[in-house]
């Protein structure tokens, strides 16, 4: 899927699909928190563990978002 197609698919899904919007919002929230954690000079053990977990969750969401986009583009 090229960039222009993926942007159009993303926009369509974001507009019409509440589940897709929720996934994108969660992904953005994880990204924001990861940025906050990255700014810490000396993160403690809990913060490092949180960072690892968030990275995994964010990747799973990215895969789910991409799968929805692929399914949508094939169906249309």
N, C-alpha and C. Protein backbone atom coordinates (compact mmCIF):
# COMPACT_ATOMS: atom_id res chain seq x y z
N UNK A 1 0.86 -1.17 0.00
CA UNK A 1 0.00 0.00 0.00
C UNK A 1 0.90 1.22 0.00
N UNK A 2 0.74 2.08 -1.02
CA UNK A 2 1.60 3.27 -1.06
C UNK A 2 1.06 4.36 -0.12
N UNK A 3 1.87 5.38 0.08
CA UNK A 3 1.57 6.41 1.07
C UNK A 3 0.24 7.11 0.81
N UNK A 4 -0.01 7.51 -0.44
CA UNK A 4 -1.24 8.25 -0.73
C UNK A 4 -2.47 7.39 -0.49
N UNK A 5 -2.38 6.11 -0.84
CA UNK A 5 -3.49 5.19 -0.60
C UNK A 5 -3.68 4.99 0.91
N UNK A 6 -2.57 4.81 1.62
CA UNK A 6 -2.68 4.57 3.06
C UNK A 6 -3.24 5.79 3.78
N UNK A 7 -2.89 7.00 3.34
CA UNK A 7 -3.45 8.21 3.94
C UNK A 7 -4.96 8.28 3.72
N UNK A 8 -5.39 7.96 2.51
CA UNK A 8 -6.81 8.00 2.20
C UNK A 8 -7.57 6.94 3.00
N UNK A 9 -7.00 5.75 3.09
CA UNK A 9 -7.62 4.66 3.85
C UNK A 9 -7.69 5.05 5.33
N UNK A 10 -6.59 5.59 5.85
CA UNK A 10 -6.55 6.03 7.24
C UNK A 10 -7.64 7.07 7.49
N UNK A 11 -7.75 8.04 6.62
CA UNK A 11 -8.76 9.09 6.78
C UNK A 11 -10.18 8.53 6.74
N UNK A 12 -10.44 7.62 5.80
CA UNK A 12 -11.76 7.00 5.70
C UNK A 12 -12.11 6.24 6.97
N UNK A 13 -11.18 5.41 7.42
CA UNK A 13 -11.43 4.63 8.62
C UNK A 13 -11.57 5.52 9.85
N UNK A 14 -10.74 6.52 9.96
CA UNK A 14 -10.78 7.41 11.11
C UNK A 14 -12.14 8.12 11.18
N UNK A 15 -12.66 8.47 10.02
CA UNK A 15 -13.93 9.18 9.94
C UNK A 15 -15.10 8.25 10.26
N UNK A 16 -15.05 7.01 9.77
CA UNK A 16 -16.21 6.12 9.79
C UNK A 16 -16.18 5.00 10.82
N UNK A 17 -15.04 4.73 11.43
CA UNK A 17 -14.91 3.55 12.28
C UNK A 17 -14.45 3.94 13.69
N UNK A 18 -15.35 3.81 14.66
CA UNK A 18 -15.05 4.19 16.04
C UNK A 18 -13.93 3.33 16.63
N UNK A 19 -13.90 2.06 16.30
CA UNK A 19 -12.85 1.18 16.81
C UNK A 19 -11.49 1.62 16.31
N UNK A 20 -11.42 1.96 15.04
CA UNK A 20 -10.17 2.44 14.46
C UNK A 20 -9.72 3.72 15.15
N UNK A 21 -10.66 4.65 15.37
CA UNK A 21 -10.32 5.90 16.08
C UNK A 21 -9.76 5.62 17.47
N UNK A 22 -10.37 4.68 18.18
CA UNK A 22 -9.90 4.32 19.53
C UNK A 22 -8.48 3.76 19.48
N UNK A 23 -8.22 2.90 18.50
CA UNK A 23 -6.88 2.32 18.38
C UNK A 23 -5.84 3.40 18.08
N UNK A 24 -6.18 4.31 17.18
CA UNK A 24 -5.26 5.39 16.84
C UNK A 24 -5.01 6.28 18.06
N UNK A 25 -6.06 6.57 18.82
CA UNK A 25 -5.93 7.40 20.02
C UNK A 25 -5.04 6.72 21.06
N UNK A 26 -5.25 5.43 21.27
CA UNK A 26 -4.40 4.68 22.21
C UNK A 26 -2.95 4.73 21.75
N UNK A 27 -2.73 4.52 20.45
CA UNK A 27 -1.38 4.53 19.90
C UNK A 27 -0.73 5.89 20.17
N UNK A 28 -1.48 6.97 19.96
CA UNK A 28 -0.95 8.31 20.20
C UNK A 28 -0.66 8.53 21.69
N UNK A 29 -1.52 8.01 22.56
CA UNK A 29 -1.30 8.14 24.00
C UNK A 29 -0.03 7.40 24.42
N UNK A 30 0.16 6.20 23.88
CA UNK A 30 1.37 5.44 24.19
C UNK A 30 2.61 6.20 23.71
N UNK A 31 2.51 6.77 22.52
CA UNK A 31 3.64 7.53 21.97
C UNK A 31 3.97 8.73 22.86
N UNK A 32 2.94 9.41 23.33
CA UNK A 32 3.14 10.56 24.21
C UNK A 32 3.83 10.14 25.50
N UNK A 33 3.35 9.06 26.11
CA UNK A 33 3.95 8.59 27.36
C UNK A 33 5.38 8.12 27.13
N UNK A 34 5.64 7.46 26.02
CA UNK A 34 7.01 7.02 25.71
C UNK A 34 7.94 8.22 25.55
N UNK A 35 7.44 9.29 24.97
CA UNK A 35 8.24 10.50 24.84
C UNK A 35 8.57 11.08 26.21
N UNK A 36 7.59 11.06 27.10
CA UNK A 36 7.82 11.54 28.47
C UNK A 36 8.87 10.69 29.17
N UNK A 37 8.76 9.39 29.01
CA UNK A 37 9.73 8.49 29.65
C UNK A 37 11.13 8.67 29.06
N UNK A 38 11.21 8.94 27.77
CA UNK A 38 12.50 9.11 27.11
C UNK A 38 13.22 10.36 27.60
N UNK A 39 12.46 11.33 28.08
CA UNK A 39 13.06 12.57 28.58
C UNK A 39 13.65 12.43 29.98
N UNK A 40 13.33 11.35 30.67
CA UNK A 40 13.85 11.15 32.01
C UNK A 40 15.35 10.87 31.97
N UNK A 41 16.10 11.60 32.77
CA UNK A 41 17.55 11.42 32.80
C UNK A 41 17.93 10.09 33.46
N UNK A 42 17.29 9.81 34.59
CA UNK A 42 17.58 8.58 35.33
C UNK A 42 16.27 7.87 35.67
N UNK A 43 15.73 7.15 34.70
CA UNK A 43 14.47 6.45 34.98
C UNK A 43 14.69 5.34 36.00
N UNK A 44 13.69 5.15 36.86
CA UNK A 44 13.80 4.06 37.83
C UNK A 44 13.36 2.75 37.17
N UNK A 45 13.43 1.69 37.93
CA UNK A 45 13.14 0.36 37.38
C UNK A 45 11.69 0.27 36.88
N UNK A 46 10.76 0.84 37.63
CA UNK A 46 9.35 0.82 37.21
C UNK A 46 9.14 1.57 35.91
N UNK A 47 9.80 2.68 35.75
CA UNK A 47 9.67 3.48 34.53
C UNK A 47 10.28 2.75 33.33
N UNK A 48 11.38 2.06 33.55
CA UNK A 48 12.00 1.29 32.46
C UNK A 48 11.10 0.13 32.06
N UNK A 49 10.47 -0.51 33.05
CA UNK A 49 9.54 -1.60 32.76
C UNK A 49 8.32 -1.08 32.02
N UNK A 50 7.80 0.07 32.47
CA UNK A 50 6.66 0.68 31.79
C UNK A 50 7.01 0.99 30.33
N UNK A 51 8.20 1.49 30.10
CA UNK A 51 8.62 1.81 28.74
C UNK A 51 8.62 0.56 27.86
N UNK A 52 9.15 -0.52 28.37
CA UNK A 52 9.20 -1.78 27.62
C UNK A 52 7.79 -2.27 27.30
N UNK A 53 6.91 -2.23 28.29
CA UNK A 53 5.54 -2.69 28.08
C UNK A 53 4.81 -1.81 27.07
N UNK A 54 5.01 -0.49 27.19
CA UNK A 54 4.34 0.43 26.27
C UNK A 54 4.82 0.23 24.83
N UNK A 55 6.10 -0.03 24.65
CA UNK A 55 6.62 -0.27 23.31
C UNK A 55 5.96 -1.49 22.69
N UNK A 56 5.79 -2.54 23.48
CA UNK A 56 5.15 -3.76 22.98
C UNK A 56 3.68 -3.50 22.65
N UNK A 57 2.98 -2.81 23.55
CA UNK A 57 1.57 -2.50 23.31
C UNK A 57 1.40 -1.62 22.07
N UNK A 58 2.29 -0.64 21.93
CA UNK A 58 2.22 0.26 20.80
C UNK A 58 2.44 -0.49 19.48
N UNK A 59 3.37 -1.42 19.48
CA UNK A 59 3.63 -2.22 18.29
C UNK A 59 2.42 -3.09 17.94
N UNK A 60 1.80 -3.69 18.94
CA UNK A 60 0.61 -4.50 18.70
C UNK A 60 -0.52 -3.65 18.11
N UNK A 61 -0.69 -2.45 18.64
CA UNK A 61 -1.70 -1.54 18.10
C UNK A 61 -1.39 -1.16 16.66
N UNK A 62 -0.12 -0.89 16.40
CA UNK A 62 0.28 -0.53 15.04
C UNK A 62 -0.06 -1.67 14.08
N UNK A 63 0.21 -2.90 14.48
CA UNK A 63 -0.12 -4.05 13.65
C UNK A 63 -1.62 -4.16 13.42
N UNK A 64 -2.40 -3.92 14.47
CA UNK A 64 -3.86 -4.00 14.35
C UNK A 64 -4.39 -2.89 13.45
N UNK A 65 -3.85 -1.69 13.61
CA UNK A 65 -4.25 -0.56 12.77
C UNK A 65 -3.93 -0.86 11.31
N UNK A 66 -2.72 -1.36 11.06
CA UNK A 66 -2.32 -1.67 9.69
C UNK A 66 -3.19 -2.77 9.09
N UNK A 67 -3.54 -3.77 9.91
CA UNK A 67 -4.40 -4.86 9.43
C UNK A 67 -5.77 -4.32 9.03
N UNK A 68 -6.32 -3.41 9.85
CA UNK A 68 -7.61 -2.81 9.53
C UNK A 68 -7.52 -2.00 8.24
N UNK A 69 -6.43 -1.27 8.06
CA UNK A 69 -6.25 -0.47 6.86
C UNK A 69 -6.13 -1.37 5.63
N UNK A 70 -5.40 -2.46 5.76
CA UNK A 70 -5.23 -3.40 4.64
C UNK A 70 -6.56 -4.02 4.28
N UNK A 71 -7.30 -4.46 5.30
CA UNK A 71 -8.61 -5.07 5.05
C UNK A 71 -9.56 -4.08 4.39
N UNK A 72 -9.52 -2.85 4.83
CA UNK A 72 -10.39 -1.81 4.25
C UNK A 72 -10.02 -1.54 2.80
N UNK A 73 -8.73 -1.45 2.51
CA UNK A 73 -8.32 -1.13 1.14
C UNK A 73 -8.63 -2.28 0.19
N UNK A 74 -8.56 -3.52 0.66
CA UNK A 74 -8.89 -4.68 -0.18
C UNK A 74 -10.38 -4.76 -0.42
N UNK A 75 -11.16 -4.36 0.59
CA UNK A 75 -12.61 -4.44 0.48
C UNK A 75 -13.22 -3.32 -0.34
N UNK A 76 -12.44 -2.29 -0.65
CA UNK A 76 -12.98 -1.15 -1.40
C UNK A 76 -12.29 -0.95 -2.71
